[in-house]
Amino acid sequence: MSYQVLARKYRPQKFVDVIGQDHVTRTLQNAITQQRIAHGYIFSGHRGIGKTTVARILAMALNCRSTDTPSPEPCGVCDSCQEIRAGSSVDVIEIDAATNRGIDEIRELRDAARYRPARDRYKIYILDEAHQITDAAFNALLKTLEEPPSHIVFMMATTQPEDIPQTIRSRCQQPKFAA
């Protein structure tokens, strides 16, 4: 078996396992319970406090197959949960925006977003280091965020939310992670 970094080996897999971010996890669970799921989220806070991890858990909760609707706590054993955890889900696309930050990459994302998910309820895009996306690329993404298809959820993780244009921020939920 190959070596795995401790942070990845012991990464939380459920909302209840996330430590120190109760205000964020409780808000997301309540939104799922009340079926008030936003089409865009900006997770902001210091480096290493769980923004991308919570985005993955939220993706599992939205697509969990243990119930007929999104679950406030993912089961972790259904096919969707296991594929998301392994990073092999075709309906949950995680993009490193530090290297894929240009207008061409965002145009491809925007074009692919028109199509329904292959199997899951939602097609989810997790954009890590979202503050590094160029202004032109954000402008290309804006139309999709203004009028998103019902099957799309965007999750942007960033340490610098002020670098994301106001036009994007105003169209997303913005839970701030505590240090």
N, C-alpha and C. Protein backbone atom coordinates (compact mmCIF):
# COMPACT_ATOMS: atom_id res chain seq x y z
N MET A 1 0.84 -1.19 0.00
CA MET A 1 0.00 0.00 0.00
C MET A 1 0.88 1.25 0.00
N SER A 2 0.54 2.22 -0.79
CA SER A 2 1.34 3.42 -0.88
C SER A 2 1.08 4.34 0.32
N TYR A 3 2.05 5.19 0.57
CA TYR A 3 1.95 6.12 1.68
C TYR A 3 0.88 7.17 1.40
N GLN A 4 0.11 7.50 2.43
CA GLN A 4 -0.90 8.54 2.30
C GLN A 4 -0.69 9.56 3.42
N VAL A 5 -0.67 10.82 3.07
CA VAL A 5 -0.47 11.89 4.03
C VAL A 5 -1.57 11.82 5.10
N LEU A 6 -1.20 12.06 6.35
CA LEU A 6 -2.16 11.94 7.46
C LEU A 6 -3.39 12.82 7.27
N ALA A 7 -3.20 14.03 6.73
CA ALA A 7 -4.33 14.93 6.53
C ALA A 7 -5.35 14.33 5.57
N ARG A 8 -4.90 13.57 4.59
CA ARG A 8 -5.83 12.93 3.66
C ARG A 8 -6.40 11.65 4.24
N LYS A 9 -5.57 10.93 4.97
CA LYS A 9 -6.01 9.66 5.56
C LYS A 9 -7.13 9.87 6.57
N TYR A 10 -7.03 10.94 7.34
CA TYR A 10 -8.02 11.20 8.39
C TYR A 10 -8.94 12.36 8.08
N ARG A 11 -9.11 12.67 6.81
CA ARG A 11 -9.99 13.75 6.39
C ARG A 11 -11.43 13.41 6.78
N PRO A 12 -12.17 14.35 7.36
CA PRO A 12 -13.57 14.07 7.73
C PRO A 12 -14.39 13.64 6.51
N GLN A 13 -15.32 12.70 6.73
CA GLN A 13 -16.18 12.19 5.67
C GLN A 13 -17.65 12.53 5.89
N LYS A 14 -17.96 13.12 7.04
CA LYS A 14 -19.32 13.52 7.35
C LYS A 14 -19.28 14.88 8.04
N PHE A 15 -20.41 15.58 8.01
CA PHE A 15 -20.46 16.89 8.66
C PHE A 15 -20.15 16.79 10.14
N VAL A 16 -20.61 15.74 10.79
CA VAL A 16 -20.41 15.59 12.24
C VAL A 16 -18.93 15.44 12.59
N ASP A 17 -18.10 15.00 11.64
CA ASP A 17 -16.67 14.82 11.88
C ASP A 17 -15.87 16.10 11.75
N VAL A 18 -16.46 17.15 11.17
CA VAL A 18 -15.75 18.41 10.97
C VAL A 18 -15.67 19.14 12.31
N ILE A 19 -14.47 19.53 12.69
CA ILE A 19 -14.24 20.16 13.99
C ILE A 19 -14.04 21.67 13.82
N GLY A 20 -14.70 22.45 14.67
CA GLY A 20 -14.48 23.88 14.71
C GLY A 20 -15.26 24.70 13.69
N GLN A 21 -16.11 24.06 12.91
CA GLN A 21 -16.89 24.79 11.89
C GLN A 21 -18.38 24.48 12.04
N ASP A 22 -18.84 24.36 13.27
CA ASP A 22 -20.24 24.00 13.52
C ASP A 22 -21.22 24.97 12.86
N HIS A 23 -20.89 26.26 12.87
CA HIS A 23 -21.79 27.24 12.26
C HIS A 23 -21.97 27.00 10.76
N VAL A 24 -20.94 26.53 10.09
CA VAL A 24 -21.02 26.26 8.65
C VAL A 24 -21.76 24.95 8.41
N THR A 25 -21.35 23.90 9.10
CA THR A 25 -21.96 22.58 8.86
C THR A 25 -23.43 22.57 9.24
N ARG A 26 -23.79 23.23 10.33
CA ARG A 26 -25.19 23.28 10.75
C ARG A 26 -26.04 24.04 9.72
N THR A 27 -25.51 25.14 9.20
CA THR A 27 -26.22 25.92 8.18
C THR A 27 -26.45 25.10 6.93
N LEU A 28 -25.42 24.38 6.48
CA LEU A 28 -25.55 23.55 5.28
C LEU A 28 -26.53 22.41 5.50
N GLN A 29 -26.48 21.78 6.67
CA GLN A 29 -27.42 20.69 6.97
C GLN A 29 -28.85 21.21 7.02
N ASN A 30 -29.05 22.37 7.62
CA ASN A 30 -30.40 22.94 7.66
C ASN A 30 -30.90 23.28 6.26
N ALA A 31 -30.04 23.79 5.42
CA ALA A 31 -30.44 24.10 4.04
C ALA A 31 -30.86 22.83 3.30
N ILE A 32 -30.14 21.75 3.51
CA ILE A 32 -30.50 20.48 2.87
C ILE A 32 -31.83 19.98 3.41
N THR A 33 -32.00 20.01 4.72
CA THR A 33 -33.24 19.55 5.35
C THR A 33 -34.44 20.33 4.83
N GLN A 34 -34.29 21.64 4.68
CA GLN A 34 -35.38 22.49 4.22
C GLN A 34 -35.47 22.57 2.70
N GLN A 35 -34.63 21.82 2.01
CA GLN A 35 -34.58 21.81 0.55
C GLN A 35 -34.39 23.21 -0.02
N ARG A 36 -33.48 23.95 0.59
CA ARG A 36 -33.15 25.31 0.14
C ARG A 36 -31.67 25.35 -0.26
N ILE A 37 -31.35 24.54 -1.23
CA ILE A 37 -29.97 24.38 -1.67
C ILE A 37 -29.63 25.49 -2.67
N ALA A 38 -28.57 26.20 -2.39
CA ALA A 38 -28.14 27.28 -3.28
C ALA A 38 -27.45 26.70 -4.50
N HIS A 39 -27.38 27.47 -5.56
CA HIS A 39 -26.68 27.02 -6.77
C HIS A 39 -25.21 27.42 -6.75
N GLY A 40 -24.82 28.25 -5.80
CA GLY A 40 -23.43 28.67 -5.71
C GLY A 40 -23.02 28.94 -4.27
N TYR A 41 -21.83 28.48 -3.91
CA TYR A 41 -21.28 28.70 -2.57
C TYR A 41 -19.86 29.20 -2.71
N ILE A 42 -19.47 30.12 -1.82
CA ILE A 42 -18.08 30.54 -1.71
C ILE A 42 -17.65 30.24 -0.29
N PHE A 43 -16.79 29.25 -0.14
CA PHE A 43 -16.25 28.87 1.16
C PHE A 43 -14.94 29.63 1.35
N SER A 44 -14.90 30.52 2.33
CA SER A 44 -13.71 31.34 2.52
C SER A 44 -13.18 31.21 3.93
N GLY A 45 -11.88 31.36 4.05
CA GLY A 45 -11.22 31.29 5.34
C GLY A 45 -9.75 30.98 5.15
N HIS A 46 -9.05 30.83 6.27
CA HIS A 46 -7.61 30.58 6.24
C HIS A 46 -7.29 29.24 5.59
N ARG A 47 -6.05 29.09 5.23
CA ARG A 47 -5.56 27.87 4.61
C ARG A 47 -5.64 26.69 5.60
N GLY A 48 -6.10 25.56 5.12
CA GLY A 48 -6.07 24.33 5.90
C GLY A 48 -7.15 24.17 6.95
N ILE A 49 -8.26 24.88 6.84
CA ILE A 49 -9.30 24.76 7.87
C ILE A 49 -10.52 23.98 7.42
N GLY A 50 -10.48 23.41 6.21
CA GLY A 50 -11.54 22.50 5.81
C GLY A 50 -12.50 22.97 4.74
N LYS A 51 -12.16 24.00 3.99
CA LYS A 51 -13.07 24.51 2.97
C LYS A 51 -13.36 23.47 1.89
N THR A 52 -12.32 22.89 1.33
CA THR A 52 -12.50 21.90 0.27
C THR A 52 -13.10 20.62 0.84
N THR A 53 -12.72 20.26 2.04
CA THR A 53 -13.29 19.07 2.69
C THR A 53 -14.79 19.22 2.86
N VAL A 54 -15.23 20.37 3.34
CA VAL A 54 -16.67 20.61 3.52
C VAL A 54 -17.37 20.61 2.17
N ALA A 55 -16.72 21.14 1.15
CA ALA A 55 -17.31 21.11 -0.20
C ALA A 55 -17.53 19.67 -0.65
N ARG A 56 -16.57 18.81 -0.40
CA ARG A 56 -16.71 17.40 -0.77
C ARG A 56 -17.83 16.73 0.03
N ILE A 57 -17.90 17.03 1.32
CA ILE A 57 -18.96 16.44 2.15
C ILE A 57 -20.32 16.93 1.68
N LEU A 58 -20.42 18.22 1.34
CA LEU A 58 -21.67 18.76 0.81
C LEU A 58 -22.04 18.07 -0.51
N ALA A 59 -21.05 17.83 -1.35
CA ALA A 59 -21.30 17.11 -2.61
C ALA A 59 -21.83 15.71 -2.32
N MET A 60 -21.25 15.03 -1.34
CA MET A 60 -21.75 13.70 -0.97
C MET A 60 -23.17 13.78 -0.44
N ALA A 61 -23.46 14.77 0.39
CA ALA A 61 -24.80 14.92 0.97
C ALA A 61 -25.84 15.19 -0.12
N LEU A 62 -25.49 16.00 -1.09
CA LEU A 62 -26.44 16.33 -2.16
C LEU A 62 -26.71 15.15 -3.08
N ASN A 63 -25.71 14.30 -3.28
CA ASN A 63 -25.84 13.19 -4.22
C ASN A 63 -25.98 11.83 -3.56
N CYS A 64 -26.04 11.77 -2.23
CA CYS A 64 -26.13 10.50 -1.50
C CYS A 64 -27.39 9.74 -1.92
N ARG A 65 -27.22 8.46 -2.19
CA ARG A 65 -28.32 7.62 -2.67
C ARG A 65 -29.02 6.85 -1.55
N SER A 66 -28.68 7.12 -0.29
CA SER A 66 -29.33 6.40 0.82
C SER A 66 -30.78 6.82 0.99
N THR A 67 -31.14 8.00 0.47
CA THR A 67 -32.52 8.48 0.52
C THR A 67 -32.90 9.01 -0.87
N ASP A 68 -34.18 9.29 -1.04
CA ASP A 68 -34.66 9.78 -2.34
C ASP A 68 -34.38 11.26 -2.57
N THR A 69 -34.01 11.97 -1.51
CA THR A 69 -33.69 13.39 -1.60
C THR A 69 -32.31 13.60 -0.99
N PRO A 70 -31.70 14.76 -1.19
CA PRO A 70 -30.41 15.02 -0.55
C PRO A 70 -30.49 14.78 0.96
N SER A 71 -29.43 14.25 1.50
CA SER A 71 -29.39 13.85 2.90
C SER A 71 -28.55 14.84 3.72
N PRO A 72 -29.04 15.26 4.90
CA PRO A 72 -28.25 16.19 5.71
C PRO A 72 -26.94 15.58 6.23
N GLU A 73 -26.83 14.26 6.17
CA GLU A 73 -25.59 13.59 6.55
C GLU A 73 -25.37 12.44 5.57
N PRO A 74 -24.32 12.49 4.75
CA PRO A 74 -24.11 11.44 3.76
C PRO A 74 -23.85 10.09 4.42
N CYS A 75 -24.31 9.02 3.75
CA CYS A 75 -24.16 7.68 4.33
C CYS A 75 -22.72 7.19 4.26
N GLY A 76 -22.01 7.56 3.22
CA GLY A 76 -20.62 7.15 3.06
C GLY A 76 -20.44 5.78 2.45
N VAL A 77 -21.53 5.04 2.24
CA VAL A 77 -21.39 3.67 1.71
C VAL A 77 -22.02 3.47 0.34
N CYS A 78 -22.90 4.35 -0.09
CA CYS A 78 -23.51 4.20 -1.42
C CYS A 78 -22.46 4.47 -2.49
N ASP A 79 -22.77 4.10 -3.72
CA ASP A 79 -21.83 4.29 -4.83
C ASP A 79 -21.43 5.75 -5.00
N SER A 80 -22.41 6.65 -4.90
CA SER A 80 -22.11 8.08 -5.08
C SER A 80 -21.12 8.57 -4.03
N CYS A 81 -21.37 8.25 -2.77
CA CYS A 81 -20.48 8.70 -1.68
C CYS A 81 -19.08 8.13 -1.86
N GLN A 82 -18.98 6.86 -2.19
CA GLN A 82 -17.66 6.24 -2.35
C GLN A 82 -16.90 6.83 -3.53
N GLU A 83 -17.59 7.10 -4.64
CA GLU A 83 -16.92 7.68 -5.80
C GLU A 83 -16.46 9.11 -5.52
N ILE A 84 -17.28 9.89 -4.82
CA ILE A 84 -16.90 11.27 -4.49
C ILE A 84 -15.69 11.25 -3.56
N ARG A 85 -15.70 10.36 -2.56
CA ARG A 85 -14.58 10.25 -1.63
C ARG A 85 -13.30 9.87 -2.38
N ALA A 86 -13.41 8.97 -3.36
CA ALA A 86 -12.24 8.52 -4.12
C ALA A 86 -11.82 9.52 -5.19
N GLY A 87 -12.67 10.50 -5.47
CA GLY A 87 -12.37 11.48 -6.51
C GLY A 87 -12.61 10.96 -7.91
N SER A 88 -13.47 9.95 -8.04
CA SER A 88 -13.72 9.35 -9.35
C SER A 88 -15.15 9.54 -9.85
N SER A 89 -15.91 10.40 -9.21
CA SER A 89 -17.29 10.64 -9.64
C SER A 89 -17.30 11.50 -10.90
N VAL A 90 -18.08 11.07 -11.89
CA VAL A 90 -18.16 11.86 -13.12
C VAL A 90 -19.04 13.09 -12.95
N ASP A 91 -19.85 13.12 -11.88
CA ASP A 91 -20.76 14.24 -11.67
C ASP A 91 -20.24 15.25 -10.64
N VAL A 92 -19.13 14.97 -10.01
CA VAL A 92 -18.50 15.92 -9.09
C VAL A 92 -17.11 16.20 -9.64
N ILE A 93 -16.93 17.39 -10.16
CA ILE A 93 -15.70 17.77 -10.84
C ILE A 93 -14.96 18.77 -9.96
N GLU A 94 -13.76 18.37 -9.51
CA GLU A 94 -12.94 19.26 -8.70
C GLU A 94 -11.86 19.85 -9.58
N ILE A 95 -11.80 21.18 -9.60
CA ILE A 95 -10.87 21.88 -10.49
C ILE A 95 -9.95 22.75 -9.65
N ASP A 96 -8.65 22.62 -9.91
CA ASP A 96 -7.67 23.48 -9.27
C ASP A 96 -7.62 24.78 -10.07
N ALA A 97 -8.25 25.81 -9.55
CA ALA A 97 -8.35 27.07 -10.28
C ALA A 97 -7.03 27.82 -10.33
N ALA A 98 -6.05 27.39 -9.56
CA ALA A 98 -4.74 28.04 -9.64
C ALA A 98 -4.07 27.72 -10.97
N THR A 99 -4.31 26.53 -11.52
CA THR A 99 -3.70 26.17 -12.80
C THR A 99 -4.70 26.22 -13.95
N ASN A 100 -5.97 26.10 -13.67
CA ASN A 100 -7.01 26.16 -14.70
C ASN A 100 -7.82 27.44 -14.50
N ARG A 101 -7.19 28.56 -14.72
CA ARG A 101 -7.79 29.84 -14.34
C ARG A 101 -8.24 30.70 -15.50
N GLY A 102 -8.00 30.25 -16.70
CA GLY A 102 -8.26 31.08 -17.87
C GLY A 102 -9.66 30.97 -18.43
N ILE A 103 -9.93 31.82 -19.39
CA ILE A 103 -11.26 31.90 -19.98
C ILE A 103 -11.59 30.62 -20.75
N ASP A 104 -10.61 29.99 -21.39
CA ASP A 104 -10.88 28.78 -22.16
C ASP A 104 -11.37 27.64 -21.25
N GLU A 105 -10.73 27.48 -20.09
CA GLU A 105 -11.14 26.43 -19.15
C GLU A 105 -12.54 26.69 -18.61
N ILE A 106 -12.85 27.95 -18.32
CA ILE A 106 -14.17 28.29 -17.79
C ILE A 106 -15.24 28.15 -18.88
N ARG A 107 -14.89 28.46 -20.11
CA ARG A 107 -15.85 28.25 -21.21
C ARG A 107 -16.17 26.76 -21.37
N GLU A 108 -15.16 25.90 -21.24
CA GLU A 108 -15.40 24.46 -21.29
C GLU A 108 -16.31 24.03 -20.16
N LEU A 109 -16.05 24.55 -18.97
CA LEU A 109 -16.89 24.24 -17.80
C LEU A 109 -18.32 24.69 -18.06
N ARG A 110 -18.47 25.90 -18.55
CA ARG A 110 -19.80 26.46 -18.82
C ARG A 110 -20.55 25.63 -19.85
N ASP A 111 -19.85 25.19 -20.89
CA ASP A 111 -20.49 24.36 -21.91
C ASP A 111 -20.89 23.00 -21.36
N ALA A 112 -20.05 22.40 -20.54
CA ALA A 112 -20.35 21.09 -19.95
C ALA A 112 -21.48 21.19 -18.93
N ALA A 113 -21.65 22.36 -18.31
CA ALA A 113 -22.68 22.53 -17.28
C ALA A 113 -24.10 22.45 -17.85
N ARG A 114 -24.24 22.61 -19.13
CA ARG A 114 -25.57 22.54 -19.74
C ARG A 114 -26.16 21.13 -19.68
N TYR A 115 -25.27 20.13 -19.62
CA TYR A 115 -25.73 18.75 -19.66
C TYR A 115 -26.05 18.23 -18.26
N ARG A 116 -27.07 17.40 -18.19
CA ARG A 116 -27.51 16.84 -16.91
C ARG A 116 -26.44 15.90 -16.37
N PRO A 117 -26.48 15.63 -15.06
CA PRO A 117 -25.52 14.69 -14.49
C PRO A 117 -25.72 13.29 -15.09
N ALA A 118 -24.65 12.52 -15.12
CA ALA A 118 -24.72 11.17 -15.69
C ALA A 118 -25.56 10.23 -14.83
N ARG A 119 -25.41 10.31 -13.50
CA ARG A 119 -26.14 9.42 -12.63
C ARG A 119 -26.72 10.13 -11.40
N ASP A 120 -26.00 11.05 -10.85
CA ASP A 120 -26.39 11.66 -9.58
C ASP A 120 -27.45 12.74 -9.76
N ARG A 121 -27.92 13.29 -8.63
CA ARG A 121 -28.93 14.35 -8.67
C ARG A 121 -28.38 15.65 -9.22
N TYR A 122 -27.15 15.96 -8.80
CA TYR A 122 -26.54 17.24 -9.15
C TYR A 122 -25.19 17.01 -9.82
N LYS A 123 -24.87 17.92 -10.74
CA LYS A 123 -23.51 18.01 -11.26
C LYS A 123 -22.87 19.12 -10.45
N ILE A 124 -21.78 18.81 -9.78
CA ILE A 124 -21.17 19.74 -8.84
C ILE A 124 -19.76 20.08 -9.31
N TYR A 125 -19.47 21.37 -9.33
CA TYR A 125 -18.14 21.86 -9.66
C TYR A 125 -17.53 22.46 -8.41
N ILE A 126 -16.40 21.91 -7.97
CA ILE A 126 -15.65 22.44 -6.83
C ILE A 126 -14.43 23.15 -7.40
N LEU A 127 -14.39 24.47 -7.24
CA LEU A 127 -13.28 25.28 -7.75
C LEU A 127 -12.39 25.68 -6.58
N ASP A 128 -11.26 25.00 -6.44
CA ASP A 128 -10.34 25.28 -5.35
C ASP A 128 -9.42 26.43 -5.75
N GLU A 129 -9.08 27.28 -4.80
CA GLU A 129 -8.28 28.48 -5.06
C GLU A 129 -8.97 29.38 -6.09
N ALA A 130 -10.26 29.57 -5.91
CA ALA A 130 -11.09 30.30 -6.89
C ALA A 130 -10.66 31.75 -7.08
N HIS A 131 -10.01 32.35 -6.10
CA HIS A 131 -9.60 33.75 -6.24
C HIS A 131 -8.57 33.94 -7.35
N GLN A 132 -7.98 32.86 -7.86
CA GLN A 132 -6.96 32.99 -8.90
C GLN A 132 -7.54 32.96 -10.32
N ILE A 133 -8.84 32.76 -10.43
CA ILE A 133 -9.48 32.79 -11.74
C ILE A 133 -9.39 34.21 -12.29
N THR A 134 -9.12 34.35 -13.58
CA THR A 134 -8.97 35.67 -14.18
C THR A 134 -10.33 36.38 -14.27
N ASP A 135 -10.28 37.70 -14.39
CA ASP A 135 -11.51 38.48 -14.50
C ASP A 135 -12.32 38.09 -15.74
N ALA A 136 -11.64 37.85 -16.85
CA ALA A 136 -12.35 37.44 -18.07
C ALA A 136 -13.03 36.09 -17.87
N ALA A 137 -12.38 35.19 -17.15
CA ALA A 137 -12.98 33.87 -16.89
C ALA A 137 -14.18 34.01 -15.96
N PHE A 138 -14.08 34.87 -14.95
CA PHE A 138 -15.24 35.11 -14.07
C PHE A 138 -16.41 35.67 -14.87
N ASN A 139 -16.13 36.56 -15.80
CA ASN A 139 -17.19 37.12 -16.64
C ASN A 139 -17.85 36.04 -17.48
N ALA A 140 -17.06 35.07 -17.95
CA ALA A 140 -17.62 33.96 -18.72
C ALA A 140 -18.50 33.07 -17.84
N LEU A 141 -18.15 32.98 -16.57
CA LEU A 141 -18.92 32.15 -15.62
C LEU A 141 -20.18 32.86 -15.14
N LEU A 142 -20.20 34.17 -15.22
CA LEU A 142 -21.29 34.97 -14.65
C LEU A 142 -22.66 34.59 -15.18
N LYS A 143 -22.81 34.41 -16.46
CA LYS A 143 -24.12 34.09 -17.04
C LYS A 143 -24.66 32.77 -16.49
N THR A 144 -23.78 31.78 -16.31
CA THR A 144 -24.20 30.49 -15.75
C THR A 144 -24.62 30.65 -14.30
N LEU A 145 -23.94 31.52 -13.56
CA LEU A 145 -24.33 31.75 -12.16
C LEU A 145 -25.61 32.57 -12.04
N GLU A 146 -25.87 33.43 -13.02
CA GLU A 146 -27.10 34.23 -12.99
C GLU A 146 -28.33 33.37 -13.26
N GLU A 147 -28.23 32.48 -14.22
CA GLU A 147 -29.35 31.63 -14.60
C GLU A 147 -28.88 30.18 -14.67
N PRO A 148 -28.59 29.58 -13.51
CA PRO A 148 -28.02 28.23 -13.53
C PRO A 148 -29.09 27.17 -13.82
N PRO A 149 -28.69 26.11 -14.50
CA PRO A 149 -29.61 24.97 -14.63
C PRO A 149 -29.89 24.41 -13.22
N SER A 150 -31.03 23.81 -13.03
CA SER A 150 -31.41 23.33 -11.69
C SER A 150 -30.55 22.18 -11.19
N HIS A 151 -29.78 21.56 -12.07
CA HIS A 151 -28.97 20.40 -11.69
C HIS A 151 -27.51 20.76 -11.39
N ILE A 152 -27.18 22.04 -11.37
CA ILE A 152 -25.78 22.47 -11.18
C ILE A 152 -25.61 23.15 -9.83
N VAL A 153 -24.50 22.81 -9.14
CA VAL A 153 -24.10 23.52 -7.93
C VAL A 153 -22.61 23.85 -8.06
N PHE A 154 -22.26 25.12 -7.89
CA PHE A 154 -20.87 25.56 -7.89
C PHE A 154 -20.43 25.78 -6.46
N MET A 155 -19.24 25.28 -6.13
CA MET A 155 -18.64 25.51 -4.82
C MET A 155 -17.23 26.04 -5.05
N MET A 156 -16.98 27.24 -4.54
CA MET A 156 -15.67 27.86 -4.71
C MET A 156 -15.01 27.97 -3.34
N ALA A 157 -13.79 27.46 -3.25
CA ALA A 157 -13.02 27.57 -2.01
C ALA A 157 -11.91 28.58 -2.23
N THR A 158 -11.76 29.49 -1.28
CA THR A 158 -10.76 30.55 -1.45
C THR A 158 -10.26 31.06 -0.11
N THR A 159 -9.02 31.52 -0.12
CA THR A 159 -8.47 32.20 1.06
C THR A 159 -8.60 33.70 0.92
N GLN A 160 -8.98 34.17 -0.27
CA GLN A 160 -9.08 35.61 -0.54
C GLN A 160 -10.41 35.93 -1.22
N PRO A 161 -11.51 35.93 -0.48
CA PRO A 161 -12.81 36.18 -1.12
C PRO A 161 -12.93 37.58 -1.71
N GLU A 162 -12.16 38.52 -1.21
CA GLU A 162 -12.22 39.88 -1.74
C GLU A 162 -11.71 39.96 -3.17
N ASP A 163 -10.95 38.95 -3.62
CA ASP A 163 -10.45 38.93 -4.99
C ASP A 163 -11.46 38.34 -5.99
N ILE A 164 -12.55 37.81 -5.47
CA ILE A 164 -13.61 37.32 -6.35
C ILE A 164 -14.51 38.51 -6.66
N PRO A 165 -14.83 38.75 -7.92
CA PRO A 165 -15.64 39.93 -8.27
C PRO A 165 -16.98 39.96 -7.52
N GLN A 166 -17.41 41.16 -7.20
CA GLN A 166 -18.67 41.36 -6.48
C GLN A 166 -19.85 40.77 -7.24
N THR A 167 -19.80 40.79 -8.56
CA THR A 167 -20.89 40.23 -9.35
C THR A 167 -21.04 38.73 -9.10
N ILE A 168 -19.95 38.04 -8.85
CA ILE A 168 -19.98 36.61 -8.54
C ILE A 168 -20.40 36.41 -7.09
N ARG A 169 -19.78 37.17 -6.18
CA ARG A 169 -20.08 37.02 -4.75
C ARG A 169 -21.55 37.27 -4.44
N SER A 170 -22.17 38.21 -5.14
CA SER A 170 -23.57 38.54 -4.86
C SER A 170 -24.53 37.44 -5.27
N ARG A 171 -24.07 36.49 -6.04
CA ARG A 171 -24.93 35.41 -6.52
C ARG A 171 -24.68 34.08 -5.81
N CYS A 172 -23.87 34.10 -4.76
CA CYS A 172 -23.51 32.87 -4.05
C CYS A 172 -23.72 33.02 -2.54
N GLN A 173 -23.99 31.90 -1.89
CA GLN A 173 -23.99 31.85 -0.43
C GLN A 173 -22.52 31.90 0.00
N GLN A 174 -22.24 32.58 1.14
CA GLN A 174 -20.83 32.77 1.53
C GLN A 174 -20.57 32.44 2.98
N PRO A 175 -20.59 31.16 3.34
CA PRO A 175 -20.22 30.84 4.73
C PRO A 175 -18.73 31.09 4.95
N LYS A 176 -18.42 31.77 6.04
CA LYS A 176 -17.01 32.07 6.36
C LYS A 176 -16.54 31.11 7.44
N PHE A 177 -15.45 30.46 7.18
CA PHE A 177 -14.89 29.48 8.10
C PHE A 177 -14.10 30.18 9.20
N ALA A 178 -14.24 29.68 10.41
CA ALA A 178 -13.54 30.25 11.56
C ALA A 178 -12.11 29.75 11.59
N ALA A 179 -11.21 30.60 12.07
CA ALA A 179 -9.78 30.24 12.13
C ALA A 179 -9.52 29.23 13.23
